[in-house]
Amino acid sequence: MTCRGAEVAERLVAEGRVDTALMPSLRKAPDLWKRHRESLGIRVCRMCPFFQEDCDFQAAELVDDAEPCGGFILLAHWCESNLVQEADLE
C-alpha cells in the first residue's frame, strides 16, 4: 500500500518526466508544505486511499503538528524546484 503521492512520483519517474539526478535534497520544511497543501490536496491527496481516515495533514480539522506523507513531501519539493509543474500531477 502506498499513498497517492508516492504513486504519482513513481509514474512521473517511470515516464521520464522527472530527472532524478536533479532531485533536491529533502528536508523538513513546514512552510513549503503549507504553500503546496491546497494545490497538491486537490490534484493528488483527494484521490489517495488514506485521505478520508488516515491523513491528519489534509484533515478537515487541522492538526497543528501534522506532517504530510513522504509522497506529498517529495512532490512539494519537486514543484518548488520546478522539476514538475502542478499540471503534471493530474
PDB file of N, CA and C in Angstrom:
ATOM      1  N   MET A   1       0.840  -1.183   0.000  1.00  0.00           N
ATOM      2  CA  MET A   1       0.000   0.000   0.000  1.00  0.00           C
ATOM      3  C   MET A   1       0.883   1.243   0.000  1.00  0.00           C
ATOM      4  N   THR A   2       0.579   2.137  -0.908  1.00  0.00           N
ATOM      5  CA  THR A   2       1.310   3.395  -0.966  1.00  0.00           C
ATOM      6  C   THR A   2       0.315   4.545  -1.062  1.00  0.00           C
ATOM      7  N   CYS A   3       0.793   5.708  -0.665  1.00  0.00           N
ATOM      8  CA  CYS A   3      -0.045   6.889  -0.784  1.00  0.00           C
ATOM      9  C   CYS A   3      -0.110   7.323  -2.245  1.00  0.00           C
ATOM     10  N   ARG A   4      -1.088   8.123  -2.564  1.00  0.00           N
ATOM     11  CA  ARG A   4      -1.264   8.601  -3.943  1.00  0.00           C
ATOM     12  C   ARG A   4      -0.059   9.426  -4.388  1.00  0.00           C
ATOM     13  N   GLY A   5       0.531  10.199  -3.471  1.00  0.00           N
ATOM     14  CA  GLY A   5       1.707  10.997  -3.820  1.00  0.00           C
ATOM     15  C   GLY A   5       2.864  10.134  -4.277  1.00  0.00           C
ATOM     16  N   ALA A   6       3.077   9.020  -3.603  1.00  0.00           N
ATOM     17  CA  ALA A   6       4.147   8.107  -3.999  1.00  0.00           C
ATOM     18  C   ALA A   6       3.849   7.476  -5.354  1.00  0.00           C
ATOM     19  N   GLU A   7       2.592   7.144  -5.602  1.00  0.00           N
ATOM     20  CA  GLU A   7       2.205   6.575  -6.899  1.00  0.00           C
ATOM     21  C   GLU A   7       2.442   7.581  -8.029  1.00  0.00           C
ATOM     22  N   VAL A   8       2.078   8.838  -7.808  1.00  0.00           N
ATOM     23  CA  VAL A   8       2.276   9.874  -8.820  1.00  0.00           C
ATOM     24  C   VAL A   8       3.766  10.083  -9.073  1.00  0.00           C
ATOM     25  N   ALA A   9       4.557  10.156  -7.998  1.00  0.00           N
ATOM     26  CA  ALA A   9       6.009  10.337  -8.138  1.00  0.00           C
ATOM     27  C   ALA A   9       6.621   9.187  -8.924  1.00  0.00           C
ATOM     28  N   GLU A  10       6.220   7.976  -8.612  1.00  0.00           N
ATOM     29  CA  GLU A  10       6.730   6.793  -9.316  1.00  0.00           C
ATOM     30  C   GLU A  10       6.375   6.848 -10.805  1.00  0.00           C
ATOM     31  N   ARG A  11       5.153   7.246 -11.115  1.00  0.00           N
ATOM     32  CA  ARG A  11       4.711   7.348 -12.509  1.00  0.00           C
ATOM     33  C   ARG A  11       5.509   8.411 -13.260  1.00  0.00           C
ATOM     34  N   LEU A  12       5.735   9.559 -12.633  1.00  0.00           N
ATOM     35  CA  LEU A  12       6.493  10.633 -13.287  1.00  0.00           C
ATOM     36  C   LEU A  12       7.921  10.196 -13.604  1.00  0.00           C
ATOM     37  N   VAL A  13       8.535   9.463 -12.690  1.00  0.00           N
ATOM     38  CA  VAL A  13       9.897   8.965 -12.923  1.00  0.00           C
ATOM     39  C   VAL A  13       9.876   7.902 -14.021  1.00  0.00           C
ATOM     40  N   ALA A  14       8.934   6.971 -13.957  1.00  0.00           N
ATOM     41  CA  ALA A  14       8.846   5.896 -14.954  1.00  0.00           C
ATOM     42  C   ALA A  14       8.616   6.447 -16.360  1.00  0.00           C
ATOM     43  N   GLU A  15       7.858   7.532 -16.458  1.00  0.00           N
ATOM     44  CA  GLU A  15       7.581   8.147 -17.765  1.00  0.00           C
ATOM     45  C   GLU A  15       8.715   9.059 -18.227  1.00  0.00           C
ATOM     46  N   GLY A  16       9.749   9.197 -17.402  1.00  0.00           N
ATOM     47  CA  GLY A  16      10.878  10.048 -17.763  1.00  0.00           C
ATOM     48  C   GLY A  16      10.578  11.533 -17.669  1.00  0.00           C
ATOM     49  N   ARG A  17       9.555  11.890 -16.924  1.00  0.00           N
ATOM     50  CA  ARG A  17       9.168  13.296 -16.799  1.00  0.00           C
ATOM     51  C   ARG A  17       9.889  14.000 -15.667  1.00  0.00           C
ATOM     52  N   VAL A  18      10.620  13.228 -14.847  1.00  0.00           N
ATOM     53  CA  VAL A  18      11.423  13.798 -13.765  1.00  0.00           C
ATOM     54  C   VAL A  18      12.817  13.205 -13.860  1.00  0.00           C
ATOM     55  N   ASP A  19      13.801  14.066 -13.890  1.00  0.00           N
ATOM     56  CA  ASP A  19      15.195  13.620 -13.886  1.00  0.00           C
ATOM     57  C   ASP A  19      15.639  13.502 -12.437  1.00  0.00           C
ATOM     58  N   THR A  20      15.757  12.274 -11.955  1.00  0.00           N
ATOM     59  CA  THR A  20      16.097  12.060 -10.551  1.00  0.00           C
ATOM     60  C   THR A  20      17.490  12.560 -10.195  1.00  0.00           C
ATOM     61  N   ALA A  21      18.337  12.756 -11.190  1.00  0.00           N
ATOM     62  CA  ALA A  21      19.673  13.309 -10.923  1.00  0.00           C
ATOM     63  C   ALA A  21      19.585  14.763 -10.473  1.00  0.00           C
ATOM     64  N   LEU A  22      18.480  15.420 -10.781  1.00  0.00           N
ATOM     65  CA  LEU A  22      18.303  16.830 -10.411  1.00  0.00           C
ATOM     66  C   LEU A  22      17.512  17.011  -9.129  1.00  0.00           C
ATOM     67  N   MET A  23      17.164  15.902  -8.493  1.00  0.00           N
ATOM     68  CA  MET A  23      16.343  15.993  -7.285  1.00  0.00           C
ATOM     69  C   MET A  23      17.041  16.781  -6.189  1.00  0.00           C
ATOM     70  N   PRO A  24      16.325  17.691  -5.560  1.00  0.00           N
ATOM     71  CA  PRO A  24      16.900  18.431  -4.434  1.00  0.00           C
ATOM     72  C   PRO A  24      16.962  17.520  -3.211  1.00  0.00           C
ATOM     73  N   SER A  25      17.795  17.889  -2.270  1.00  0.00           N
ATOM     74  CA  SER A  25      17.804  17.126  -1.024  1.00  0.00           C
ATOM     75  C   SER A  25      16.520  17.466  -0.278  1.00  0.00           C
ATOM     76  N   LEU A  26      15.937  16.464   0.305  1.00  0.00           N
ATOM     77  CA  LEU A  26      14.684  16.668   1.015  1.00  0.00           C
ATOM     78  C   LEU A  26      14.970  17.095   2.434  1.00  0.00           C
ATOM     79  N   ARG A  27      14.161  18.004   2.916  1.00  0.00           N
ATOM     80  CA  ARG A  27      14.320  18.491   4.272  1.00  0.00           C
ATOM     81  C   ARG A  27      12.945  18.733   4.875  1.00  0.00           C
ATOM     82  N   LYS A  28      12.912  18.807   6.155  1.00  0.00           N
ATOM     83  CA  LYS A  28      11.667  19.135   6.832  1.00  0.00           C
ATOM     84  C   LYS A  28      11.396  20.613   6.573  1.00  0.00           C
ATOM     85  N   ALA A  29      10.278  20.900   5.938  1.00  0.00           N
ATOM     86  CA  ALA A  29      10.007  22.271   5.504  1.00  0.00           C
ATOM     87  C   ALA A  29       8.515  22.595   5.625  1.00  0.00           C
ATOM     88  N   PRO A  30       8.032  22.839   6.832  1.00  0.00           N
ATOM     89  CA  PRO A  30       6.604  23.115   7.016  1.00  0.00           C
ATOM     90  C   PRO A  30       6.076  24.274   6.173  1.00  0.00           C
ATOM     91  N   ASP A  31       6.866  25.296   5.944  1.00  0.00           N
ATOM     92  CA  ASP A  31       6.405  26.411   5.103  1.00  0.00           C
ATOM     93  C   ASP A  31       6.181  25.944   3.665  1.00  0.00           C
ATOM     94  N   LEU A  32       7.055  25.095   3.170  1.00  0.00           N
ATOM     95  CA  LEU A  32       6.920  24.532   1.831  1.00  0.00           C
ATOM     96  C   LEU A  32       5.643  23.692   1.750  1.00  0.00           C
ATOM     97  N   TRP A  33       5.419  22.877   2.744  1.00  0.00           N
ATOM     98  CA  TRP A  33       4.226  22.032   2.767  1.00  0.00           C
ATOM     99  C   TRP A  33       2.967  22.886   2.747  1.00  0.00           C
ATOM    100  N   LYS A  34       2.957  23.957   3.528  1.00  0.00           N
ATOM    101  CA  LYS A  34       1.780  24.834   3.570  1.00  0.00           C
ATOM    102  C   LYS A  34       1.535  25.481   2.217  1.00  0.00           C
ATOM    103  N   ARG A  35       2.598  25.888   1.530  1.00  0.00           N
ATOM    104  CA  ARG A  35       2.447  26.517   0.210  1.00  0.00           C
ATOM    105  C   ARG A  35       1.788  25.580  -0.798  1.00  0.00           C
ATOM    106  N   HIS A  36       2.061  24.295  -0.687  1.00  0.00           N
ATOM    107  CA  HIS A  36       1.553  23.331  -1.673  1.00  0.00           C
ATOM    108  C   HIS A  36       0.376  22.509  -1.153  1.00  0.00           C
ATOM    109  N   ARG A  37      -0.061  22.786   0.059  1.00  0.00           N
ATOM    110  CA  ARG A  37      -1.119  21.988   0.686  1.00  0.00           C
ATOM    111  C   ARG A  37      -2.392  21.965  -0.154  1.00  0.00           C
ATOM    112  N   GLU A  38      -2.850  23.122  -0.579  1.00  0.00           N
ATOM    113  CA  GLU A  38      -4.105  23.176  -1.325  1.00  0.00           C
ATOM    114  C   GLU A  38      -3.967  22.583  -2.723  1.00  0.00           C
ATOM    115  N   SER A  39      -2.947  22.996  -3.454  1.00  0.00           N
ATOM    116  CA  SER A  39      -2.824  22.526  -4.839  1.00  0.00           C
ATOM    117  C   SER A  39      -2.558  21.022  -4.905  1.00  0.00           C
ATOM    118  N   LEU A  40      -1.669  20.515  -4.061  1.00  0.00           N
ATOM    119  CA  LEU A  40      -1.439  19.069  -4.055  1.00  0.00           C
ATOM    120  C   LEU A  40      -2.640  18.331  -3.476  1.00  0.00           C
ATOM    121  N   GLY A  41      -3.308  18.969  -2.537  1.00  0.00           N
ATOM    122  CA  GLY A  41      -4.511  18.365  -1.967  1.00  0.00           C
ATOM    123  C   GLY A  41      -5.558  18.098  -3.027  1.00  0.00           C
ATOM    124  N   ILE A  42      -5.749  19.069  -3.904  1.00  0.00           N
ATOM    125  CA  ILE A  42      -6.741  18.936  -4.972  1.00  0.00           C
ATOM    126  C   ILE A  42      -6.291  17.927  -6.019  1.00  0.00           C
ATOM    127  N   ARG A  43      -5.038  18.007  -6.431  1.00  0.00           N
ATOM    128  CA  ARG A  43      -4.558  17.185  -7.549  1.00  0.00           C
ATOM    129  C   ARG A  43      -4.144  15.771  -7.153  1.00  0.00           C
ATOM    130  N   VAL A  44      -3.730  15.595  -5.908  1.00  0.00           N
ATOM    131  CA  VAL A  44      -3.168  14.303  -5.507  1.00  0.00           C
ATOM    132  C   VAL A  44      -3.891  13.704  -4.295  1.00  0.00           C
ATOM    133  N   CYS A  45      -3.939  14.434  -3.219  1.00  0.00           N
ATOM    134  CA  CYS A  45      -4.396  13.879  -1.947  1.00  0.00           C
ATOM    135  C   CYS A  45      -5.854  13.439  -1.936  1.00  0.00           C
ATOM    136  N   ARG A  46      -6.714  14.163  -2.594  1.00  0.00           N
ATOM    137  CA  ARG A  46      -8.142  13.820  -2.563  1.00  0.00           C
ATOM    138  C   ARG A  46      -8.415  12.440  -3.165  1.00  0.00           C
ATOM    139  N   MET A  47      -7.510  11.948  -4.000  1.00  0.00           N
ATOM    140  CA  MET A  47      -7.686  10.627  -4.612  1.00  0.00           C
ATOM    141  C   MET A  47      -6.899   9.544  -3.879  1.00  0.00           C
ATOM    142  N   CYS A  48      -6.259   9.920  -2.785  1.00  0.00           N
ATOM    143  CA  CYS A  48      -5.428   8.981  -2.030  1.00  0.00           C
ATOM    144  C   CYS A  48      -6.305   8.051  -1.185  1.00  0.00           C
ATOM    145  N   PRO A  49      -5.968   6.764  -1.134  1.00  0.00           N
ATOM    146  CA  PRO A  49      -6.755   5.837  -0.324  1.00  0.00           C
ATOM    147  C   PRO A  49      -6.684   6.136   1.178  1.00  0.00           C
ATOM    148  N   PHE A  50      -5.703   6.931   1.596  1.00  0.00           N
ATOM    149  CA  PHE A  50      -5.565   7.259   3.013  1.00  0.00           C
ATOM    150  C   PHE A  50      -6.222   8.591   3.380  1.00  0.00           C
ATOM    151  N   PHE A  51      -6.731   9.311   2.388  1.00  0.00           N
ATOM    152  CA  PHE A  51      -7.224  10.672   2.605  1.00  0.00           C
ATOM    153  C   PHE A  51      -8.338  10.747   3.644  1.00  0.00           C
ATOM    154  N   GLN A  52      -9.358   9.948   3.503  1.00  0.00           N
ATOM    155  CA  GLN A  52     -10.543  10.059   4.350  1.00  0.00           C
ATOM    156  C   GLN A  52     -10.298   9.764   5.830  1.00  0.00           C
ATOM    157  N   GLU A  53      -9.560   8.714   6.115  1.00  0.00           N
ATOM    158  CA  GLU A  53      -9.479   8.291   7.505  1.00  0.00           C
ATOM    159  C   GLU A  53      -8.093   8.352   8.130  1.00  0.00           C
ATOM    160  N   ASP A  54      -7.059   8.408   7.328  1.00  0.00           N
ATOM    161  CA  ASP A  54      -5.727   8.271   7.893  1.00  0.00           C
ATOM    162  C   ASP A  54      -4.809   9.470   7.684  1.00  0.00           C
ATOM    163  N   CYS A  55      -5.286  10.527   7.062  1.00  0.00           N
ATOM    164  CA  CYS A  55      -4.406  11.646   6.750  1.00  0.00           C
ATOM    165  C   CYS A  55      -4.690  12.831   7.673  1.00  0.00           C
ATOM    166  N   ASP A  56      -3.854  13.016   8.665  1.00  0.00           N
ATOM    167  CA  ASP A  56      -4.012  14.149   9.569  1.00  0.00           C
ATOM    168  C   ASP A  56      -3.614  15.465   8.901  1.00  0.00           C
ATOM    169  N   PHE A  57      -2.667  15.416   7.979  1.00  0.00           N
ATOM    170  CA  PHE A  57      -2.180  16.639   7.340  1.00  0.00           C
ATOM    171  C   PHE A  57      -3.263  17.308   6.494  1.00  0.00           C
ATOM    172  N   GLN A  58      -4.075  16.521   5.812  1.00  0.00           N
ATOM    173  CA  GLN A  58      -5.124  17.069   4.952  1.00  0.00           C
ATOM    174  C   GLN A  58      -6.515  16.955   5.599  1.00  0.00           C
ATOM    175  N   ALA A  59      -6.571  16.695   6.887  1.00  0.00           N
ATOM    176  CA  ALA A  59      -7.849  16.548   7.573  1.00  0.00           C
ATOM    177  C   ALA A  59      -8.641  17.857   7.569  1.00  0.00           C
ATOM    178  N   ALA A  60      -9.960  17.736   7.601  1.00  0.00           N
ATOM    179  CA  ALA A  60     -10.822  18.923   7.626  1.00  0.00           C
ATOM    180  C   ALA A  60     -10.515  19.776   8.855  1.00  0.00           C
ATOM    181  N   GLU A  61     -10.310  19.139   9.988  1.00  0.00           N
ATOM    182  CA  GLU A  61      -9.908  19.845  11.197  1.00  0.00           C
ATOM    183  C   GLU A  61      -8.392  19.757  11.285  1.00  0.00           C
ATOM    184  N   LEU A  62      -7.730  20.888  11.106  1.00  0.00           N
ATOM    185  CA  LEU A  62      -6.270  20.907  11.075  1.00  0.00           C
ATOM    186  C   LEU A  62      -5.674  20.466  12.399  1.00  0.00           C
ATOM    187  N   VAL A  63      -4.651  19.650  12.294  1.00  0.00           N
ATOM    188  CA  VAL A  63      -3.887  19.203  13.452  1.00  0.00           C
ATOM    189  C   VAL A  63      -2.576  19.982  13.402  1.00  0.00           C
ATOM    190  N   ASP A  64      -2.275  20.733  14.450  1.00  0.00           N
ATOM    191  CA  ASP A  64      -1.140  21.655  14.443  1.00  0.00           C
ATOM    192  C   ASP A  64       0.185  21.036  14.020  1.00  0.00           C
ATOM    193  N   ASP A  65       0.512  19.887  14.544  1.00  0.00           N
ATOM    194  CA  ASP A  65       1.822  19.299  14.282  1.00  0.00           C
ATOM    195  C   ASP A  65       1.786  18.193  13.223  1.00  0.00           C
ATOM    196  N   ALA A  66       0.698  18.103  12.484  1.00  0.00           N
ATOM    197  CA  ALA A  66       0.574  17.057  11.465  1.00  0.00           C
ATOM    198  C   ALA A  66       1.573  17.294  10.340  1.00  0.00           C
ATOM    199  N   GLU A  67       2.182  16.217   9.905  1.00  0.00           N
ATOM    200  CA  GLU A  67       3.133  16.283   8.800  1.00  0.00           C
ATOM    201  C   GLU A  67       2.586  15.466   7.634  1.00  0.00           C
ATOM    202  N   PRO A  68       2.908  15.865   6.411  1.00  0.00           N
ATOM    203  CA  PRO A  68       2.425  15.122   5.241  1.00  0.00           C
ATOM    204  C   PRO A  68       3.168  13.804   5.070  1.00  0.00           C
ATOM    205  N   CYS A  69       2.634  12.984   4.211  1.00  0.00           N
ATOM    206  CA  CYS A  69       3.275  11.712   3.884  1.00  0.00           C
ATOM    207  C   CYS A  69       4.506  11.965   3.015  1.00  0.00           C
ATOM    208  N   GLY A  70       5.281  10.944   2.817  1.00  0.00           N
ATOM    209  CA  GLY A  70       6.502  11.061   2.020  1.00  0.00           C
ATOM    210  C   GLY A  70       6.241  11.438   0.575  1.00  0.00           C
ATOM    211  N   GLY A  71       5.159  10.928   0.007  1.00  0.00           N
ATOM    212  CA  GLY A  71       4.826  11.269  -1.371  1.00  0.00           C
ATOM    213  C   GLY A  71       4.537  12.754  -1.521  1.00  0.00           C
ATOM    214  N   PHE A  72       3.795  13.318  -0.586  1.00  0.00           N
ATOM    215  CA  PHE A  72       3.488  14.745  -0.607  1.00  0.00           C
ATOM    216  C   PHE A  72       4.772  15.556  -0.473  1.00  0.00           C
ATOM    217  N   ILE A  73       5.627  15.172   0.465  1.00  0.00           N
ATOM    218  CA  ILE A  73       6.887  15.893   0.686  1.00  0.00           C
ATOM    219  C   ILE A  73       7.719  15.897  -0.595  1.00  0.00           C
ATOM    220  N   LEU A  74       7.853  14.754  -1.224  1.00  0.00           N
ATOM    221  CA  LEU A  74       8.634  14.649  -2.456  1.00  0.00           C
ATOM    222  C   LEU A  74       8.043  15.524  -3.561  1.00  0.00           C
ATOM    223  N   LEU A  75       6.734  15.443  -3.772  1.00  0.00           N
ATOM    224  CA  LEU A  75       6.095  16.228  -4.819  1.00  0.00           C
ATOM    225  C   LEU A  75       6.191  17.726  -4.536  1.00  0.00           C
ATOM    226  N   ALA A  76       6.063  18.122  -3.286  1.00  0.00           N
ATOM    227  CA  ALA A  76       6.180  19.539  -2.935  1.00  0.00           C
ATOM    228  C   ALA A  76       7.580  20.054  -3.258  1.00  0.00           C
ATOM    229  N   HIS A  77       8.601  19.268  -2.941  1.00  0.00           N
ATOM    230  CA  HIS A  77       9.982  19.662  -3.270  1.00  0.00           C
ATOM    231  C   HIS A  77      10.182  19.727  -4.780  1.00  0.00           C
ATOM    232  N   TRP A  78       9.625  18.778  -5.513  1.00  0.00           N
ATOM    233  CA  TRP A  78       9.752  18.788  -6.978  1.00  0.00           C
ATOM    234  C   TRP A  78       9.066  20.013  -7.571  1.00  0.00           C
ATOM    235  N   CYS A  79       7.873  20.338  -7.071  1.00  0.00           N
ATOM    236  CA  CYS A  79       7.162  21.530  -7.563  1.00  0.00           C
ATOM    237  C   CYS A  79       7.960  22.785  -7.245  1.00  0.00           C
ATOM    238  N   GLU A  80       8.467  22.873  -6.062  1.00  0.00           N
ATOM    239  CA  GLU A  80       9.233  24.050  -5.634  1.00  0.00           C
ATOM    240  C   GLU A  80      10.502  24.208  -6.465  1.00  0.00           C
ATOM    241  N   SER A  81      11.094  23.101  -6.858  1.00  0.00           N
ATOM    242  CA  SER A  81      12.337  23.124  -7.646  1.00  0.00           C
ATOM    243  C   SER A  81      12.066  23.163  -9.148  1.00  0.00           C
ATOM    244  N   ASN A  82      10.794  23.243  -9.519  1.00  0.00           N
ATOM    245  CA  ASN A  82      10.381  23.267 -10.927  1.00  0.00           C
ATOM    246  C   ASN A  82      10.762  22.006 -11.702  1.00  0.00           C
ATOM    247  N   LEU A  83      10.906  20.895 -11.003  1.00  0.00           N
ATOM    248  CA  LEU A  83      11.125  19.618 -11.685  1.00  0.00           C
ATOM    249  C   LEU A  83       9.828  19.109 -12.290  1.00  0.00           C
ATOM    250  N   VAL A  84       8.717  19.467 -11.682  1.00  0.00           N
ATOM    251  CA  VAL A  84       7.405  19.169 -12.242  1.00  0.00           C
ATOM    252  C   VAL A  84       6.531  20.414 -12.076  1.00  0.00           C
ATOM    253  N   GLN A  85       5.560  20.518 -12.940  1.00  0.00           N
ATOM    254  CA  GLN A  85       4.571  21.574 -12.842  1.00  0.00           C
ATOM    255  C   GLN A  85       3.315  20.957 -12.228  1.00  0.00           C
ATOM    256  N   GLU A  86       2.523  21.769 -11.596  1.00  0.00           N
ATOM    257  CA  GLU A  86       1.314  21.235 -10.960  1.00  0.00           C
ATOM    258  C   GLU A  86       0.418  20.527 -11.970  1.00  0.00           C
ATOM    259  N   ALA A  87       0.398  21.009 -13.197  1.00  0.00           N
ATOM    260  CA  ALA A  87      -0.416  20.364 -14.237  1.00  0.00           C
ATOM    261  C   ALA A  87       0.054  18.932 -14.507  1.00  0.00           C
ATOM    262  N   ASP A  88       1.341  18.638 -14.275  1.00  0.00           N
ATOM    263  CA  ASP A  88       1.880  17.287 -14.472  1.00  0.00           C
ATOM    264  C   ASP A  88       1.289  16.288 -13.473  1.00  0.00           C
ATOM    265  N   LEU A  89       0.723  16.782 -12.399  1.00  0.00           N
ATOM    266  CA  LEU A  89       0.252  15.922 -11.335  1.00  0.00           C
ATOM    267  C   LEU A  89      -1.156  15.407 -11.570  1.00  0.00           C
ATOM    268  N   GLU A  90      -1.815  15.913 -12.576  1.00  0.00           N
ATOM    269  CA  GLU A  90      -3.208  15.490 -12.839  1.00  0.00           C
ATOM    270  C   GLU A  90      -3.259  14.231 -13.650  1.00  0.00           C
TER     271      GLU A  90
END
